[in-house]
Amino acid sequence: MPVIAVEYTYTAATVAARDEVRPDHRAWLSGLVAEGTVLSTGPYADGSGALILVSAADEDAARTLFRTDPFARADLIESARFTEWTPVMGAFAAS
């Protein structure tokens, strides 16, 4: 199944709201990790956004799934970029 790189961008204006919604956001992500849909996730060190690697049928399927993210439902994401990624070597490369 393709790997989709999901890149979130945040703004300083949503810091407090993201702190409030973060437990729901992380619980949602944890469920996706447990089922093997999310391969890896984490925020950028500077707080400007996050990267989430997702196993999905295609980019449209990933977009549909991520509309249910608590951060998205609370309108806390400035922008989201979805890009199919082809890992060639390393942990996410097909064996």
N, C-alpha and C. Protein backbone atom coordinates (compact mmCIF):
# COMPACT_ATOMS: atom_id res chain seq x y z
N MET A 1 0.86 -1.18 0.00
CA MET A 1 0.00 0.00 0.00
C MET A 1 0.90 1.24 0.00
N PRO A 2 0.51 2.28 -0.72
CA PRO A 2 1.33 3.49 -0.76
C PRO A 2 1.49 4.15 0.62
N VAL A 3 2.60 4.85 0.74
CA VAL A 3 2.85 5.66 1.94
C VAL A 3 2.57 7.11 1.56
N ILE A 4 1.77 7.78 2.37
CA ILE A 4 1.44 9.18 2.15
C ILE A 4 2.09 9.99 3.27
N ALA A 5 2.87 11.00 2.89
CA ALA A 5 3.44 11.92 3.86
C ALA A 5 2.43 13.05 4.05
N VAL A 6 1.99 13.22 5.28
CA VAL A 6 1.04 14.28 5.62
C VAL A 6 1.82 15.31 6.43
N GLU A 7 1.87 16.52 5.90
CA GLU A 7 2.59 17.60 6.58
C GLU A 7 1.59 18.66 7.03
N TYR A 8 1.53 18.85 8.35
CA TYR A 8 0.68 19.88 8.92
C TYR A 8 1.52 21.13 9.17
N THR A 9 0.90 22.28 8.97
CA THR A 9 1.49 23.56 9.35
C THR A 9 0.56 24.21 10.36
N TYR A 10 1.15 24.71 11.45
CA TYR A 10 0.39 25.38 12.50
C TYR A 10 0.77 26.85 12.59
N THR A 11 -0.07 27.64 13.25
CA THR A 11 0.27 29.03 13.52
C THR A 11 0.32 29.25 15.03
N ALA A 12 0.99 30.30 15.42
CA ALA A 12 1.10 30.64 16.84
C ALA A 12 -0.28 30.94 17.44
N ALA A 13 -1.21 31.38 16.63
CA ALA A 13 -2.54 31.75 17.13
C ALA A 13 -3.33 30.55 17.67
N THR A 14 -2.93 29.33 17.30
CA THR A 14 -3.70 28.16 17.73
C THR A 14 -3.01 27.34 18.81
N VAL A 15 -1.93 27.85 19.39
CA VAL A 15 -1.16 27.09 20.38
C VAL A 15 -2.05 26.65 21.55
N ALA A 16 -2.77 27.56 22.16
CA ALA A 16 -3.58 27.22 23.33
C ALA A 16 -4.66 26.19 22.98
N ALA A 17 -5.31 26.37 21.86
CA ALA A 17 -6.36 25.43 21.45
C ALA A 17 -5.77 24.06 21.12
N ARG A 18 -4.60 24.04 20.49
CA ARG A 18 -3.96 22.75 20.20
C ARG A 18 -3.58 22.04 21.50
N ASP A 19 -3.11 22.79 22.48
CA ASP A 19 -2.79 22.18 23.78
C ASP A 19 -4.03 21.53 24.39
N GLU A 20 -5.16 22.18 24.22
CA GLU A 20 -6.42 21.67 24.78
C GLU A 20 -6.90 20.41 24.04
N VAL A 21 -6.78 20.40 22.72
CA VAL A 21 -7.30 19.31 21.90
C VAL A 21 -6.27 18.17 21.74
N ARG A 22 -5.00 18.44 22.05
CA ARG A 22 -3.94 17.46 21.82
C ARG A 22 -4.23 16.06 22.39
N PRO A 23 -4.78 15.91 23.59
CA PRO A 23 -5.06 14.54 24.06
C PRO A 23 -5.99 13.76 23.11
N ASP A 24 -7.01 14.40 22.57
CA ASP A 24 -7.91 13.74 21.62
C ASP A 24 -7.19 13.44 20.31
N HIS A 25 -6.39 14.39 19.85
CA HIS A 25 -5.61 14.23 18.62
C HIS A 25 -4.67 13.03 18.76
N ARG A 26 -3.97 12.95 19.88
CA ARG A 26 -3.01 11.85 20.08
C ARG A 26 -3.73 10.51 20.28
N ALA A 27 -4.87 10.52 20.91
CA ALA A 27 -5.64 9.28 21.06
C ALA A 27 -6.09 8.78 19.68
N TRP A 28 -6.53 9.70 18.83
CA TRP A 28 -6.93 9.37 17.46
C TRP A 28 -5.75 8.77 16.70
N LEU A 29 -4.60 9.43 16.79
CA LEU A 29 -3.40 8.92 16.12
C LEU A 29 -2.99 7.56 16.68
N SER A 30 -3.07 7.39 17.99
CA SER A 30 -2.68 6.12 18.62
C SER A 30 -3.51 4.96 18.09
N GLY A 31 -4.80 5.20 17.89
CA GLY A 31 -5.65 4.17 17.31
C GLY A 31 -5.21 3.80 15.90
N LEU A 32 -4.80 4.80 15.13
CA LEU A 32 -4.34 4.55 13.77
C LEU A 32 -2.98 3.85 13.75
N VAL A 33 -2.13 4.15 14.73
CA VAL A 33 -0.85 3.44 14.86
C VAL A 33 -1.13 1.98 15.19
N ALA A 34 -2.04 1.73 16.12
CA ALA A 34 -2.36 0.37 16.55
C ALA A 34 -2.87 -0.49 15.40
N GLU A 35 -3.61 0.13 14.48
CA GLU A 35 -4.15 -0.64 13.35
C GLU A 35 -3.20 -0.69 12.16
N GLY A 36 -2.05 -0.01 12.25
CA GLY A 36 -1.05 -0.04 11.19
C GLY A 36 -1.24 1.00 10.11
N THR A 37 -2.18 1.90 10.29
CA THR A 37 -2.42 2.94 9.28
C THR A 37 -1.38 4.05 9.39
N VAL A 38 -1.11 4.51 10.59
CA VAL A 38 -0.06 5.52 10.80
C VAL A 38 1.23 4.78 11.10
N LEU A 39 2.25 5.05 10.30
CA LEU A 39 3.54 4.39 10.43
C LEU A 39 4.45 5.12 11.41
N SER A 40 4.37 6.43 11.41
CA SER A 40 5.16 7.25 12.33
C SER A 40 4.56 8.66 12.34
N THR A 41 4.72 9.34 13.46
CA THR A 41 4.17 10.68 13.58
C THR A 41 4.92 11.48 14.62
N GLY A 42 4.94 12.77 14.45
CA GLY A 42 5.55 13.64 15.45
C GLY A 42 5.60 15.07 14.99
N PRO A 43 5.66 15.99 15.96
CA PRO A 43 5.73 17.41 15.64
C PRO A 43 7.14 17.81 15.24
N TYR A 44 7.23 18.90 14.49
CA TYR A 44 8.54 19.49 14.21
C TYR A 44 9.04 20.14 15.49
N ALA A 45 10.34 20.10 15.71
CA ALA A 45 10.93 20.61 16.95
C ALA A 45 10.64 22.09 17.18
N ASP A 46 10.44 22.85 16.12
CA ASP A 46 10.18 24.28 16.28
C ASP A 46 8.70 24.61 16.50
N GLY A 47 7.85 23.57 16.54
CA GLY A 47 6.42 23.79 16.79
C GLY A 47 5.63 24.28 15.60
N SER A 48 6.25 24.36 14.43
CA SER A 48 5.58 24.93 13.26
C SER A 48 4.63 23.96 12.56
N GLY A 49 4.69 22.68 12.94
CA GLY A 49 3.84 21.71 12.27
C GLY A 49 4.19 20.31 12.70
N ALA A 50 3.80 19.35 11.86
CA ALA A 50 4.05 17.95 12.16
C ALA A 50 4.13 17.16 10.86
N LEU A 51 4.76 15.99 10.97
CA LEU A 51 4.84 15.05 9.85
C LEU A 51 4.21 13.74 10.31
N ILE A 52 3.34 13.19 9.46
CA ILE A 52 2.68 11.93 9.75
C ILE A 52 2.82 11.06 8.51
N LEU A 53 3.39 9.87 8.67
CA LEU A 53 3.51 8.92 7.57
C LEU A 53 2.37 7.92 7.68
N VAL A 54 1.61 7.79 6.60
CA VAL A 54 0.37 7.02 6.61
C VAL A 54 0.38 5.98 5.50
N SER A 55 -0.08 4.79 5.82
CA SER A 55 -0.32 3.76 4.81
C SER A 55 -1.78 3.90 4.38
N ALA A 56 -1.99 4.24 3.11
CA ALA A 56 -3.34 4.48 2.61
C ALA A 56 -3.43 4.05 1.16
N ALA A 57 -4.63 3.77 0.71
CA ALA A 57 -4.84 3.34 -0.67
C ALA A 57 -4.33 4.37 -1.67
N ASP A 58 -4.54 5.63 -1.35
CA ASP A 58 -4.08 6.72 -2.20
C ASP A 58 -4.22 8.03 -1.42
N GLU A 59 -3.83 9.11 -2.06
CA GLU A 59 -3.87 10.43 -1.43
C GLU A 59 -5.29 10.81 -1.03
N ASP A 60 -6.26 10.52 -1.87
CA ASP A 60 -7.66 10.86 -1.54
C ASP A 60 -8.14 10.14 -0.29
N ALA A 61 -7.76 8.88 -0.15
CA ALA A 61 -8.14 8.11 1.05
C ALA A 61 -7.52 8.72 2.30
N ALA A 62 -6.28 9.16 2.19
CA ALA A 62 -5.61 9.80 3.33
C ALA A 62 -6.31 11.12 3.67
N ARG A 63 -6.63 11.91 2.66
CA ARG A 63 -7.33 13.17 2.91
C ARG A 63 -8.67 12.94 3.62
N THR A 64 -9.40 11.95 3.17
CA THR A 64 -10.69 11.63 3.78
C THR A 64 -10.50 11.24 5.24
N LEU A 65 -9.53 10.38 5.51
CA LEU A 65 -9.26 9.95 6.87
C LEU A 65 -8.89 11.13 7.77
N PHE A 66 -8.04 12.01 7.28
CA PHE A 66 -7.53 13.10 8.12
C PHE A 66 -8.54 14.21 8.36
N ARG A 67 -9.66 14.20 7.67
CA ARG A 67 -10.74 15.13 8.00
C ARG A 67 -11.32 14.81 9.37
N THR A 68 -11.11 13.57 9.85
CA THR A 68 -11.63 13.18 11.16
C THR A 68 -10.65 13.46 12.30
N ASP A 69 -9.47 13.95 12.00
CA ASP A 69 -8.51 14.31 13.05
C ASP A 69 -9.13 15.39 13.94
N PRO A 70 -9.08 15.23 15.26
CA PRO A 70 -9.61 16.27 16.15
C PRO A 70 -9.01 17.65 15.89
N PHE A 71 -7.74 17.72 15.50
CA PHE A 71 -7.16 19.02 15.14
C PHE A 71 -7.88 19.62 13.93
N ALA A 72 -8.18 18.80 12.93
CA ALA A 72 -8.87 19.28 11.74
C ALA A 72 -10.29 19.69 12.08
N ARG A 73 -10.99 18.87 12.87
CA ARG A 73 -12.37 19.19 13.24
C ARG A 73 -12.45 20.49 14.04
N ALA A 74 -11.39 20.81 14.79
CA ALA A 74 -11.37 22.04 15.58
C ALA A 74 -10.73 23.20 14.80
N ASP A 75 -10.42 22.98 13.52
CA ASP A 75 -9.85 24.01 12.65
C ASP A 75 -8.53 24.57 13.20
N LEU A 76 -7.64 23.68 13.62
CA LEU A 76 -6.38 24.08 14.23
C LEU A 76 -5.18 23.89 13.31
N ILE A 77 -5.43 23.46 12.08
CA ILE A 77 -4.36 23.22 11.11
C ILE A 77 -4.40 24.34 10.08
N GLU A 78 -3.30 25.06 9.98
CA GLU A 78 -3.22 26.16 9.00
C GLU A 78 -3.27 25.60 7.58
N SER A 79 -2.46 24.57 7.33
CA SER A 79 -2.47 23.91 6.03
C SER A 79 -2.04 22.46 6.20
N ALA A 80 -2.46 21.62 5.27
CA ALA A 80 -2.07 20.22 5.27
C ALA A 80 -1.67 19.85 3.85
N ARG A 81 -0.52 19.24 3.74
CA ARG A 81 -0.02 18.80 2.43
C ARG A 81 0.03 17.28 2.44
N PHE A 82 -0.53 16.65 1.42
CA PHE A 82 -0.56 15.19 1.29
C PHE A 82 0.24 14.84 0.04
N THR A 83 1.28 14.02 0.23
CA THR A 83 2.15 13.66 -0.88
C THR A 83 2.46 12.17 -0.83
N GLU A 84 2.21 11.45 -1.94
CA GLU A 84 2.61 10.05 -1.97
C GLU A 84 4.13 9.99 -1.96
N TRP A 85 4.66 9.12 -1.11
CA TRP A 85 6.10 9.02 -0.91
C TRP A 85 6.53 7.60 -1.23
N THR A 86 7.66 7.47 -1.91
CA THR A 86 8.17 6.15 -2.27
C THR A 86 9.46 5.88 -1.50
N PRO A 87 9.37 5.21 -0.35
CA PRO A 87 10.58 4.89 0.39
C PRO A 87 11.39 3.83 -0.37
N VAL A 88 12.66 4.07 -0.54
CA VAL A 88 13.53 3.16 -1.29
C VAL A 88 14.40 2.33 -0.35
N MET A 89 14.87 2.95 0.72
CA MET A 89 15.72 2.25 1.69
C MET A 89 15.28 2.61 3.10
N GLY A 90 15.59 1.76 4.03
CA GLY A 90 15.32 2.06 5.42
C GLY A 90 14.05 1.40 5.95
N ALA A 91 13.62 1.88 7.10
CA ALA A 91 12.54 1.26 7.86
C ALA A 91 11.22 1.17 7.10
N PHE A 92 10.94 2.08 6.20
CA PHE A 92 9.64 2.10 5.54
C PHE A 92 9.67 1.54 4.13
N ALA A 93 10.86 1.11 3.67
CA ALA A 93 10.98 0.55 2.32
C ALA A 93 10.38 -0.86 2.29
N ALA A 94 9.75 -1.19 1.18
CA ALA A 94 9.19 -2.54 1.01
C ALA A 94 10.33 -3.55 0.99
N SER A 95 10.10 -4.67 1.63
CA SER A 95 11.17 -5.68 1.66
C SER A 95 11.12 -6.57 0.45
